[in-house]
Amino acid sequence: MDINSLPDDPATLKGLLADMAASQADQQQHIAQLEQRIRLLNLIIYGPKSEKKPRTGQEQQLSLFDEAEQTVEEQTPQTFEEVCTPTHTRGKRGRRSIPADLPRVEIIHDLPESEKACPCGAVLVRIGEEVSEKLDIVPAKIQVIRHIRPKYACRACEGVEDDGPTVKTAPMPLQIIPQGIVTPGLLAHVAIAK
């Protein structure tokens, strides 16, 4: 408001002054209400949990009469019960087993006939096998491929000779991830799906 635009009449000036004072009082009251709301919201958000709900003056007065009951409750002896909790046992480490309900395809990696002969001249005998399972995916179908590698040993010399290993096994085919359970098909499917 410009001073030069004010009227010269004192009564009009008093009226303007009264209007401005009333407007200022309303604004001050509104500011005080907003500040009170901010304090309450801060108390609700940042205050301790027991003070989440602010008490009114009457609720504070009523709580004065509960002090006698609270002191009696505090004086009663407390009994402690021994609670037995089971000890924590650690879970088995290692890779989870592949579910048994998945279909399996067996691939046998056998030694060639020329390697089934022992250096002593006897024929190697199958004594067991190593089985490793890999996950494979055929579009819209998941299956387990079992790589079976028979183990052979010589019954004649039973590893007495130092010429080579006593147990022979066919080498495992090369894998994309060593010691992993995924096949190239599954890895490609995961890469394309992402």
N, C-alpha and C. Protein backbone atom coordinates (compact mmCIF):
# COMPACT_ATOMS: atom_id res chain seq x y z
N MET A 1 0.84 -1.17 0.00
CA MET A 1 0.00 0.00 0.00
C MET A 1 0.89 1.24 0.00
N ASP A 2 0.60 2.15 -0.87
CA ASP A 2 1.37 3.38 -1.00
C ASP A 2 0.83 4.43 -0.04
N ILE A 3 1.70 5.17 0.62
CA ILE A 3 1.30 6.20 1.60
C ILE A 3 0.54 7.33 0.91
N ASN A 4 0.92 7.68 -0.28
CA ASN A 4 0.27 8.78 -1.01
C ASN A 4 -1.17 8.43 -1.40
N SER A 5 -1.50 7.16 -1.49
CA SER A 5 -2.86 6.78 -1.87
C SER A 5 -3.81 6.70 -0.68
N LEU A 6 -3.32 6.92 0.53
CA LEU A 6 -4.17 6.88 1.72
C LEU A 6 -5.08 8.11 1.75
N PRO A 7 -6.31 7.91 2.23
CA PRO A 7 -7.20 9.07 2.34
C PRO A 7 -6.75 10.00 3.47
N ASP A 8 -7.17 11.27 3.40
CA ASP A 8 -6.80 12.26 4.43
C ASP A 8 -7.80 12.26 5.58
N ASP A 9 -8.90 11.64 5.44
CA ASP A 9 -9.94 11.64 6.47
C ASP A 9 -9.50 10.73 7.61
N PRO A 10 -9.45 11.27 8.87
CA PRO A 10 -9.02 10.46 10.01
C PRO A 10 -9.96 9.29 10.30
N ALA A 11 -11.22 9.44 10.10
CA ALA A 11 -12.16 8.35 10.38
C ALA A 11 -11.93 7.18 9.42
N THR A 12 -11.67 7.50 8.17
CA THR A 12 -11.40 6.46 7.18
C THR A 12 -10.08 5.76 7.50
N LEU A 13 -9.10 6.57 7.93
CA LEU A 13 -7.80 5.99 8.31
C LEU A 13 -7.94 5.05 9.49
N LYS A 14 -8.77 5.45 10.47
CA LYS A 14 -8.99 4.59 11.64
C LYS A 14 -9.66 3.28 11.21
N GLY A 15 -10.59 3.37 10.29
CA GLY A 15 -11.26 2.16 9.79
C GLY A 15 -10.28 1.22 9.09
N LEU A 16 -9.40 1.81 8.24
CA LEU A 16 -8.38 1.00 7.57
C LEU A 16 -7.44 0.35 8.57
N LEU A 17 -7.06 1.13 9.59
CA LEU A 17 -6.16 0.62 10.63
C LEU A 17 -6.81 -0.52 11.40
N ALA A 18 -8.10 -0.38 11.72
CA ALA A 18 -8.82 -1.43 12.45
C ALA A 18 -8.92 -2.69 11.59
N ASP A 19 -9.20 -2.53 10.28
CA ASP A 19 -9.27 -3.68 9.38
C ASP A 19 -7.92 -4.40 9.30
N MET A 20 -6.85 -3.61 9.20
CA MET A 20 -5.51 -4.21 9.12
C MET A 20 -5.15 -4.93 10.41
N ALA A 21 -5.53 -4.35 11.56
CA ALA A 21 -5.23 -4.98 12.85
C ALA A 21 -6.01 -6.29 12.98
N ALA A 22 -7.28 -6.30 12.55
CA ALA A 22 -8.08 -7.53 12.61
C ALA A 22 -7.49 -8.59 11.69
N SER A 23 -7.09 -8.17 10.49
CA SER A 23 -6.48 -9.10 9.54
C SER A 23 -5.19 -9.68 10.10
N GLN A 24 -4.39 -8.83 10.74
CA GLN A 24 -3.13 -9.29 11.32
C GLN A 24 -3.39 -10.26 12.47
N ALA A 25 -4.42 -9.98 13.29
CA ALA A 25 -4.75 -10.87 14.40
C ALA A 25 -5.20 -12.23 13.87
N ASP A 26 -6.01 -12.22 12.80
CA ASP A 26 -6.44 -13.49 12.19
C ASP A 26 -5.24 -14.27 11.66
N GLN A 27 -4.33 -13.56 11.02
CA GLN A 27 -3.14 -14.23 10.49
C GLN A 27 -2.28 -14.80 11.61
N GLN A 28 -2.11 -14.06 12.69
CA GLN A 28 -1.31 -14.55 13.83
C GLN A 28 -1.96 -15.79 14.45
N GLN A 29 -3.30 -15.76 14.55
CA GLN A 29 -4.00 -16.92 15.11
C GLN A 29 -3.83 -18.14 14.18
N HIS A 30 -3.93 -17.92 12.88
CA HIS A 30 -3.75 -19.00 11.91
C HIS A 30 -2.33 -19.56 11.98
N ILE A 31 -1.34 -18.67 12.10
CA ILE A 31 0.06 -19.10 12.22
C ILE A 31 0.25 -19.93 13.49
N ALA A 32 -0.35 -19.50 14.60
CA ALA A 32 -0.23 -20.24 15.86
C ALA A 32 -0.84 -21.63 15.73
N GLN A 33 -2.00 -21.74 15.04
CA GLN A 33 -2.63 -23.04 14.84
C GLN A 33 -1.75 -23.95 13.99
N LEU A 34 -1.17 -23.39 12.93
CA LEU A 34 -0.30 -24.20 12.07
C LEU A 34 0.95 -24.66 12.81
N GLU A 35 1.52 -23.78 13.63
CA GLU A 35 2.71 -24.17 14.42
C GLU A 35 2.35 -25.28 15.41
N GLN A 36 1.16 -25.20 16.00
CA GLN A 36 0.71 -26.25 16.93
C GLN A 36 0.56 -27.58 16.19
N ARG A 37 -0.01 -27.55 15.00
CA ARG A 37 -0.16 -28.78 14.21
C ARG A 37 1.20 -29.37 13.84
N ILE A 38 2.16 -28.50 13.51
CA ILE A 38 3.50 -28.98 13.18
C ILE A 38 4.13 -29.66 14.39
N ARG A 39 3.98 -29.05 15.58
CA ARG A 39 4.53 -29.65 16.80
C ARG A 39 3.90 -31.02 17.07
N LEU A 40 2.57 -31.12 16.91
CA LEU A 40 1.90 -32.40 17.15
C LEU A 40 2.34 -33.46 16.14
N LEU A 41 2.44 -33.06 14.88
CA LEU A 41 2.89 -34.03 13.86
C LEU A 41 4.32 -34.47 14.11
N ASN A 42 5.19 -33.55 14.49
CA ASN A 42 6.57 -33.92 14.82
C ASN A 42 6.60 -34.86 16.01
N LEU A 43 5.73 -34.62 16.99
CA LEU A 43 5.67 -35.49 18.16
C LEU A 43 5.20 -36.89 17.76
N ILE A 44 4.22 -36.95 16.87
CA ILE A 44 3.73 -38.25 16.42
C ILE A 44 4.79 -38.98 15.61
N ILE A 45 5.47 -38.26 14.74
CA ILE A 45 6.45 -38.90 13.86
C ILE A 45 7.74 -39.23 14.60
N TYR A 46 8.28 -38.27 15.33
CA TYR A 46 9.61 -38.44 15.91
C TYR A 46 9.60 -38.75 17.40
N GLY A 47 8.45 -38.66 18.06
CA GLY A 47 8.40 -38.88 19.50
C GLY A 47 8.46 -40.34 19.85
N PRO A 48 8.69 -40.67 21.13
CA PRO A 48 8.70 -42.07 21.54
C PRO A 48 7.31 -42.68 21.37
N LYS A 49 7.25 -44.01 21.31
CA LYS A 49 5.99 -44.69 21.02
C LYS A 49 4.94 -44.41 22.09
N SER A 50 5.32 -44.23 23.33
CA SER A 50 4.35 -43.97 24.37
C SER A 50 3.71 -42.60 24.20
N GLU A 51 4.33 -41.75 23.44
CA GLU A 51 3.78 -40.41 23.24
C GLU A 51 3.20 -40.24 21.85
N LYS A 52 2.87 -41.32 21.20
CA LYS A 52 2.30 -41.22 19.85
C LYS A 52 0.99 -40.43 19.88
N LYS A 53 0.16 -40.69 20.88
CA LYS A 53 -1.10 -39.98 20.97
C LYS A 53 -0.96 -38.91 22.06
N PRO A 54 -0.97 -37.64 21.71
CA PRO A 54 -0.80 -36.60 22.72
C PRO A 54 -2.00 -36.55 23.67
N ARG A 55 -1.72 -36.29 24.93
CA ARG A 55 -2.76 -36.22 25.94
C ARG A 55 -3.32 -34.81 26.02
N THR A 56 -4.60 -34.76 26.31
CA THR A 56 -5.22 -33.46 26.55
C THR A 56 -5.03 -33.11 28.02
N GLY A 57 -5.37 -31.91 28.39
CA GLY A 57 -5.21 -31.48 29.78
C GLY A 57 -6.00 -32.33 30.74
N GLN A 58 -7.24 -32.72 30.36
CA GLN A 58 -8.07 -33.52 31.25
C GLN A 58 -7.48 -34.92 31.44
N GLU A 59 -6.93 -35.51 30.38
CA GLU A 59 -6.32 -36.84 30.49
C GLU A 59 -5.10 -36.80 31.40
N GLN A 60 -4.37 -35.68 31.38
CA GLN A 60 -3.21 -35.56 32.25
C GLN A 60 -3.65 -35.47 33.71
N GLN A 61 -4.76 -34.77 33.96
CA GLN A 61 -5.26 -34.66 35.33
C GLN A 61 -5.74 -36.01 35.84
N LEU A 62 -6.42 -36.79 34.97
CA LEU A 62 -6.91 -38.09 35.39
C LEU A 62 -5.78 -39.05 35.71
N SER A 63 -4.65 -38.92 35.03
CA SER A 63 -3.54 -39.83 35.28
C SER A 63 -2.89 -39.57 36.63
N LEU A 64 -3.13 -38.39 37.24
CA LEU A 64 -2.57 -38.12 38.56
C LEU A 64 -3.14 -39.08 39.60
N PHE A 65 -4.42 -39.47 39.43
CA PHE A 65 -5.04 -40.35 40.40
C PHE A 65 -4.58 -41.79 40.25
N ASP A 66 -3.99 -42.13 39.14
CA ASP A 66 -3.51 -43.49 38.92
C ASP A 66 -2.14 -43.72 39.53
N GLU A 67 -1.49 -42.65 40.03
CA GLU A 67 -0.13 -42.80 40.56
C GLU A 67 -0.10 -43.72 41.76
N ALA A 68 -1.11 -43.66 42.63
CA ALA A 68 -1.13 -44.52 43.81
C ALA A 68 -1.22 -45.98 43.39
N GLU A 69 -2.04 -46.28 42.40
CA GLU A 69 -2.16 -47.66 41.94
C GLU A 69 -0.87 -48.13 41.28
N GLN A 70 -0.21 -47.22 40.56
CA GLN A 70 1.03 -47.60 39.89
C GLN A 70 2.12 -47.90 40.90
N THR A 71 2.20 -47.14 41.99
CA THR A 71 3.24 -47.39 42.99
C THR A 71 2.99 -48.71 43.70
N VAL A 72 1.72 -49.10 43.93
CA VAL A 72 1.41 -50.38 44.56
C VAL A 72 1.82 -51.52 43.63
N GLU A 73 1.55 -51.36 42.34
CA GLU A 73 1.92 -52.40 41.39
C GLU A 73 3.42 -52.54 41.29
N GLU A 74 4.14 -51.44 41.42
CA GLU A 74 5.60 -51.50 41.34
C GLU A 74 6.20 -52.17 42.56
N GLN A 75 5.52 -52.12 43.72
CA GLN A 75 6.07 -52.68 44.95
C GLN A 75 5.88 -54.19 45.04
N THR A 76 4.98 -54.77 44.27
CA THR A 76 4.78 -56.21 44.33
C THR A 76 6.04 -56.91 43.83
N PRO A 77 6.47 -57.96 44.53
CA PRO A 77 7.71 -58.64 44.11
C PRO A 77 7.49 -59.34 42.77
N GLN A 78 8.50 -59.26 41.97
CA GLN A 78 8.43 -59.88 40.65
C GLN A 78 9.08 -61.25 40.71
N THR A 79 8.43 -62.21 40.10
CA THR A 79 8.99 -63.56 40.04
C THR A 79 9.45 -63.80 38.61
N PHE A 80 10.58 -64.41 38.50
CA PHE A 80 11.14 -64.69 37.19
C PHE A 80 11.07 -66.18 36.93
N GLU A 81 10.61 -66.54 35.76
CA GLU A 81 10.57 -67.94 35.37
C GLU A 81 11.73 -68.24 34.44
N GLU A 82 12.30 -69.40 34.62
CA GLU A 82 13.40 -69.79 33.74
C GLU A 82 12.82 -70.32 32.44
N VAL A 83 13.24 -69.73 31.37
CA VAL A 83 12.73 -70.11 30.06
C VAL A 83 13.81 -70.90 29.34
N CYS A 84 13.45 -72.07 28.89
CA CYS A 84 14.39 -72.91 28.16
C CYS A 84 14.12 -72.76 26.67
N THR A 85 15.12 -72.35 25.96
CA THR A 85 14.98 -72.23 24.51
C THR A 85 15.84 -73.29 23.85
N PRO A 86 15.37 -73.86 22.77
CA PRO A 86 16.18 -74.88 22.10
C PRO A 86 17.43 -74.25 21.50
N THR A 87 18.50 -75.01 21.53
CA THR A 87 19.75 -74.49 20.98
C THR A 87 19.66 -74.45 19.47
N HIS A 88 20.39 -73.54 18.91
CA HIS A 88 20.39 -73.35 17.45
C HIS A 88 21.34 -74.36 16.83
N THR A 89 20.82 -75.10 15.89
CA THR A 89 21.68 -76.04 15.17
C THR A 89 21.91 -75.49 13.77
N ARG A 90 23.12 -75.57 13.35
CA ARG A 90 23.46 -75.05 12.03
C ARG A 90 22.95 -76.00 10.96
N GLY A 91 22.50 -75.39 9.88
CA GLY A 91 22.01 -76.18 8.76
C GLY A 91 23.16 -76.79 7.98
N LYS A 92 22.82 -77.77 7.18
CA LYS A 92 23.84 -78.44 6.38
C LYS A 92 24.30 -77.50 5.28
N ARG A 93 25.60 -77.37 5.14
CA ARG A 93 26.14 -76.50 4.10
C ARG A 93 26.21 -77.24 2.79
N GLY A 94 26.37 -76.50 1.74
CA GLY A 94 26.53 -77.10 0.43
C GLY A 94 25.35 -76.79 -0.47
N ARG A 95 25.42 -77.32 -1.63
CA ARG A 95 24.41 -77.07 -2.65
C ARG A 95 23.16 -77.89 -2.34
N ARG A 96 22.00 -77.28 -2.61
CA ARG A 96 20.75 -78.01 -2.44
C ARG A 96 20.65 -79.09 -3.51
N SER A 97 20.02 -80.19 -3.15
CA SER A 97 19.89 -81.28 -4.13
C SER A 97 18.82 -80.91 -5.16
N ILE A 98 18.98 -81.48 -6.33
CA ILE A 98 18.03 -81.23 -7.41
C ILE A 98 16.78 -82.06 -7.12
N PRO A 99 15.60 -81.49 -7.27
CA PRO A 99 14.37 -82.24 -6.96
C PRO A 99 14.28 -83.55 -7.74
N ALA A 100 13.82 -84.59 -7.04
CA ALA A 100 13.77 -85.93 -7.63
C ALA A 100 12.65 -86.07 -8.66
N ASP A 101 11.67 -85.18 -8.64
CA ASP A 101 10.55 -85.32 -9.57
C ASP A 101 10.85 -84.81 -10.97
N LEU A 102 11.99 -84.17 -11.17
CA LEU A 102 12.35 -83.71 -12.51
C LEU A 102 12.79 -84.89 -13.37
N PRO A 103 12.42 -84.92 -14.64
CA PRO A 103 12.85 -86.03 -15.50
C PRO A 103 14.37 -86.00 -15.69
N ARG A 104 14.94 -87.19 -15.83
CA ARG A 104 16.38 -87.29 -15.96
C ARG A 104 16.76 -87.97 -17.27
N VAL A 105 17.82 -87.44 -17.90
CA VAL A 105 18.39 -88.03 -19.11
C VAL A 105 19.80 -88.47 -18.74
N GLU A 106 20.10 -89.75 -18.95
CA GLU A 106 21.41 -90.26 -18.56
C GLU A 106 22.33 -90.32 -19.78
N ILE A 107 23.52 -89.78 -19.60
CA ILE A 107 24.57 -89.84 -20.63
C ILE A 107 25.75 -90.56 -19.99
N ILE A 108 26.17 -91.66 -20.58
CA ILE A 108 27.27 -92.44 -20.03
C ILE A 108 28.54 -92.09 -20.79
N HIS A 109 29.54 -91.64 -20.06
CA HIS A 109 30.86 -91.32 -20.62
C HIS A 109 31.79 -92.48 -20.24
N ASP A 110 31.98 -93.41 -21.13
CA ASP A 110 32.77 -94.60 -20.84
C ASP A 110 34.16 -94.46 -21.44
N LEU A 111 35.09 -95.21 -20.87
CA LEU A 111 36.45 -95.24 -21.42
C LEU A 111 36.44 -96.00 -22.75
N PRO A 112 37.28 -95.60 -23.68
CA PRO A 112 37.39 -96.39 -24.90
C PRO A 112 37.99 -97.77 -24.57
N GLU A 113 37.69 -98.75 -25.38
CA GLU A 113 38.16 -100.13 -25.13
C GLU A 113 39.68 -100.19 -25.00
N SER A 114 40.40 -99.32 -25.71
CA SER A 114 41.87 -99.35 -25.64
C SER A 114 42.38 -98.93 -24.27
N GLU A 115 41.61 -98.13 -23.54
CA GLU A 115 42.06 -97.68 -22.22
C GLU A 115 41.57 -98.59 -21.10
N LYS A 116 40.78 -99.60 -21.41
CA LYS A 116 40.29 -100.53 -20.39
C LYS A 116 41.29 -101.64 -20.10
N ALA A 117 42.49 -101.55 -20.66
CA ALA A 117 43.53 -102.55 -20.41
C ALA A 117 44.54 -101.95 -19.43
N CYS A 118 44.92 -102.75 -18.44
CA CYS A 118 45.90 -102.33 -17.44
C CYS A 118 47.30 -102.50 -18.03
N PRO A 119 48.28 -101.70 -17.60
CA PRO A 119 49.65 -101.88 -18.09
C PRO A 119 50.22 -103.26 -17.77
N CYS A 120 49.66 -103.94 -16.74
CA CYS A 120 50.15 -105.28 -16.40
C CYS A 120 49.62 -106.33 -17.36
N GLY A 121 48.65 -105.93 -18.21
CA GLY A 121 48.12 -106.86 -19.20
C GLY A 121 46.71 -107.34 -18.88
N ALA A 122 46.24 -107.15 -17.67
CA ALA A 122 44.89 -107.60 -17.29
C ALA A 122 43.85 -106.57 -17.77
N VAL A 123 42.61 -106.99 -17.78
CA VAL A 123 41.51 -106.11 -18.20
C VAL A 123 40.97 -105.39 -16.96
N LEU A 124 40.71 -104.10 -17.10
CA LEU A 124 40.15 -103.33 -15.98
C LEU A 124 38.70 -103.74 -15.75
N VAL A 125 38.31 -103.79 -14.47
CA VAL A 125 36.96 -104.19 -14.08
C VAL A 125 36.23 -102.96 -13.55
N ARG A 126 34.97 -102.85 -13.89
CA ARG A 126 34.17 -101.70 -13.43
C ARG A 126 33.92 -101.85 -11.93
N ILE A 127 34.29 -100.83 -11.15
CA ILE A 127 34.15 -100.90 -9.69
C ILE A 127 33.15 -99.89 -9.15
N GLY A 128 32.66 -99.03 -9.95
CA GLY A 128 31.72 -98.01 -9.48
C GLY A 128 31.52 -96.97 -10.56
N GLU A 129 30.97 -95.85 -10.16
CA GLU A 129 30.77 -94.78 -11.12
C GLU A 129 30.67 -93.44 -10.39
N GLU A 130 31.01 -92.41 -11.09
CA GLU A 130 30.83 -91.05 -10.58
C GLU A 130 29.64 -90.46 -11.30
N VAL A 131 28.71 -89.88 -10.55
CA VAL A 131 27.51 -89.29 -11.14
C VAL A 131 27.48 -87.81 -10.79
N SER A 132 27.35 -86.99 -11.80
CA SER A 132 27.15 -85.55 -11.57
C SER A 132 25.91 -85.13 -12.33
N GLU A 133 25.07 -84.33 -11.68
CA GLU A 133 23.81 -83.91 -12.29
C GLU A 133 23.87 -82.44 -12.65
N LYS A 134 23.38 -82.11 -13.82
CA LYS A 134 23.35 -80.74 -14.33
C LYS A 134 21.91 -80.41 -14.71
N LEU A 135 21.52 -79.18 -14.50
CA LEU A 135 20.18 -78.74 -14.91
C LEU A 135 20.22 -78.28 -16.35
N ASP A 136 19.27 -78.73 -17.12
CA ASP A 136 19.14 -78.32 -18.51
C ASP A 136 17.70 -77.89 -18.75
N ILE A 137 17.49 -77.06 -19.74
CA ILE A 137 16.14 -76.63 -20.07
C ILE A 137 15.92 -76.79 -21.56
N VAL A 138 14.82 -77.41 -21.87
CA VAL A 138 14.35 -77.48 -23.25
C VAL A 138 13.17 -76.52 -23.22
N PRO A 139 13.01 -75.64 -24.20
CA PRO A 139 11.94 -74.64 -24.10
C PRO A 139 10.64 -75.25 -23.57
N ALA A 140 10.18 -74.67 -22.50
CA ALA A 140 8.96 -75.09 -21.79
C ALA A 140 9.12 -76.45 -21.12
N LYS A 141 10.35 -76.92 -20.90
CA LYS A 141 10.56 -78.20 -20.24
C LYS A 141 11.92 -78.17 -19.55
N ILE A 142 11.95 -78.52 -18.28
CA ILE A 142 13.20 -78.59 -17.54
C ILE A 142 13.49 -80.06 -17.28
N GLN A 143 14.74 -80.45 -17.43
CA GLN A 143 15.15 -81.83 -17.19
C GLN A 143 16.53 -81.84 -16.56
N VAL A 144 16.88 -82.97 -15.99
CA VAL A 144 18.19 -83.16 -15.38
C VAL A 144 18.97 -84.12 -16.26
N ILE A 145 20.17 -83.73 -16.62
CA ILE A 145 21.04 -84.61 -17.41
C ILE A 145 22.05 -85.22 -16.45
N ARG A 146 22.06 -86.55 -16.36
CA ARG A 146 22.98 -87.26 -15.47
C ARG A 146 24.17 -87.72 -16.29
N HIS A 147 25.34 -87.25 -15.93
CA HIS A 147 26.58 -87.68 -16.58
C HIS A 147 27.15 -88.81 -15.72
N ILE A 148 27.18 -90.00 -16.27
CA ILE A 148 27.67 -91.17 -15.53
C ILE A 148 29.02 -91.56 -16.12
N ARG A 149 30.03 -91.61 -15.26
CA ARG A 149 31.38 -91.99 -15.70
C ARG A 149 31.81 -93.22 -14.92
N PRO A 150 31.78 -94.40 -15.55
CA PRO A 150 32.19 -95.62 -14.84
C PRO A 150 33.66 -95.55 -14.41
N LYS A 151 33.92 -96.15 -13.26
CA LYS A 151 35.30 -96.23 -12.75
C LYS A 151 35.79 -97.65 -12.99
N TYR A 152 37.04 -97.76 -13.39
CA TYR A 152 37.64 -99.06 -13.67
C TYR A 152 38.92 -99.21 -12.86
N ALA A 153 39.14 -100.44 -12.39
CA ALA A 153 40.37 -100.76 -11.67
C ALA A 153 40.83 -102.16 -12.09
N CYS A 154 42.10 -102.43 -11.91
CA CYS A 154 42.66 -103.72 -12.28
C CYS A 154 42.62 -104.64 -11.06
N ARG A 155 42.00 -105.81 -11.20
CA ARG A 155 41.96 -106.76 -10.09
C ARG A 155 43.27 -107.51 -9.96
N ALA A 156 44.05 -107.55 -11.02
CA ALA A 156 45.31 -108.31 -10.99
C ALA A 156 46.36 -107.57 -10.18
N CYS A 157 46.60 -106.31 -10.49
CA CYS A 157 47.69 -105.62 -9.78
C CYS A 157 47.17 -104.74 -8.65
N GLU A 158 45.90 -104.37 -8.66
CA GLU A 158 45.26 -103.57 -7.63
C GLU A 158 46.11 -102.37 -7.22
N GLY A 159 46.70 -101.72 -8.18
CA GLY A 159 47.40 -100.48 -7.90
C GLY A 159 48.78 -100.65 -7.33
N VAL A 160 49.38 -101.86 -7.45
CA VAL A 160 50.72 -102.09 -6.92
C VAL A 160 51.74 -101.38 -7.79
N GLU A 161 51.49 -101.35 -9.07
CA GLU A 161 52.46 -100.74 -9.98
C GLU A 161 52.33 -99.23 -9.94
N ASP A 162 53.44 -98.56 -10.15
CA ASP A 162 53.47 -97.11 -10.11
C ASP A 162 53.39 -96.49 -11.50
N ASP A 163 52.99 -97.26 -12.50
CA ASP A 163 52.97 -96.74 -13.86
C ASP A 163 51.88 -95.70 -14.08
N GLY A 164 50.79 -95.80 -13.42
CA GLY A 164 49.68 -94.87 -13.65
C GLY A 164 48.67 -94.95 -12.52
N PRO A 165 47.55 -94.29 -12.71
CA PRO A 165 46.54 -94.30 -11.66
C PRO A 165 45.92 -95.68 -11.51
N THR A 166 45.53 -96.03 -10.29
CA THR A 166 44.96 -97.33 -10.03
C THR A 166 43.50 -97.39 -10.46
N VAL A 167 42.83 -96.28 -10.47
CA VAL A 167 41.43 -96.22 -10.90
C VAL A 167 41.36 -95.29 -12.09
N LYS A 168 40.70 -95.75 -13.15
CA LYS A 168 40.56 -94.93 -14.35
C LYS A 168 39.09 -94.56 -14.53
N THR A 169 38.88 -93.32 -14.92
CA THR A 169 37.54 -92.81 -15.18
C THR A 169 37.61 -91.94 -16.42
N ALA A 170 36.57 -91.97 -17.23
CA ALA A 170 36.53 -91.11 -18.42
C ALA A 170 36.49 -89.65 -17.98
N PRO A 171 37.15 -88.78 -18.74
CA PRO A 171 37.13 -87.37 -18.34
C PRO A 171 35.73 -86.78 -18.52
N MET A 172 35.43 -85.82 -17.67
CA MET A 172 34.15 -85.13 -17.74
C MET A 172 34.18 -84.18 -18.94
N PRO A 173 33.09 -84.06 -19.69
CA PRO A 173 33.09 -83.11 -20.80
C PRO A 173 33.28 -81.68 -20.28
N LEU A 174 33.82 -80.82 -21.11
CA LEU A 174 34.06 -79.44 -20.70
C LEU A 174 32.75 -78.76 -20.34
N GLN A 175 32.83 -77.90 -19.31
CA GLN A 175 31.63 -77.22 -18.84
C GLN A 175 31.83 -75.72 -18.97
N ILE A 176 30.74 -75.00 -19.15
CA ILE A 176 30.82 -73.53 -19.23
C ILE A 176 31.21 -72.96 -17.88
N ILE A 177 30.58 -73.47 -16.82
CA ILE A 177 30.91 -73.05 -15.46
C ILE A 177 31.48 -74.27 -14.74
N PRO A 178 32.78 -74.26 -14.40
CA PRO A 178 33.36 -75.42 -13.72
C PRO A 178 32.64 -75.69 -12.40
N GLN A 179 32.39 -76.95 -12.12
CA GLN A 179 31.71 -77.41 -10.91
C GLN A 179 30.27 -76.89 -10.82
N GLY A 180 29.73 -76.31 -11.88
CA GLY A 180 28.37 -75.79 -11.88
C GLY A 180 27.37 -76.85 -12.28
N ILE A 181 26.08 -76.56 -12.09
CA ILE A 181 25.05 -77.54 -12.44
C ILE A 181 24.23 -77.09 -13.65
N VAL A 182 24.67 -76.07 -14.35
CA VAL A 182 23.90 -75.59 -15.49
C VAL A 182 24.53 -76.07 -16.79
N THR A 183 23.67 -76.29 -17.77
CA THR A 183 24.14 -76.66 -19.10
C THR A 183 24.15 -75.41 -19.98
N PRO A 184 24.80 -75.48 -21.13
CA PRO A 184 24.78 -74.31 -22.02
C PRO A 184 23.36 -73.90 -22.41
N GLY A 185 22.45 -74.87 -22.57
CA GLY A 185 21.07 -74.56 -22.93
C GLY A 185 20.36 -73.75 -21.86
N LEU A 186 20.54 -74.14 -20.59
CA LEU A 186 19.91 -73.41 -19.49
C LEU A 186 20.51 -72.02 -19.37
N LEU A 187 21.83 -71.92 -19.51
CA LEU A 187 22.49 -70.61 -19.42
C LEU A 187 22.01 -69.69 -20.53
N ALA A 188 21.87 -70.22 -21.74
CA ALA A 188 21.38 -69.42 -22.86
C ALA A 188 19.94 -68.99 -22.63
N HIS A 189 19.12 -69.88 -22.09
CA HIS A 189 17.72 -69.54 -21.81
C HIS A 189 17.62 -68.41 -20.79
N VAL A 190 18.42 -68.49 -19.72
CA VAL A 190 18.40 -67.44 -18.70
C VAL A 190 18.88 -66.12 -19.28
N ALA A 191 19.93 -66.16 -20.10
CA ALA A 191 20.45 -64.93 -20.69
C ALA A 191 19.43 -64.30 -21.63
N ILE A 192 18.74 -65.10 -22.40
CA ILE A 192 17.75 -64.56 -23.34
C ILE A 192 16.51 -64.08 -22.60
N ALA A 193 16.13 -64.76 -21.53
CA ALA A 193 14.93 -64.39 -20.78
C ALA A 193 15.08 -63.03 -20.11
N LYS A 194 16.31 -62.66 -19.78
CA LYS A 194 16.51 -61.37 -19.13
C LYS A 194 16.50 -60.30 -20.18
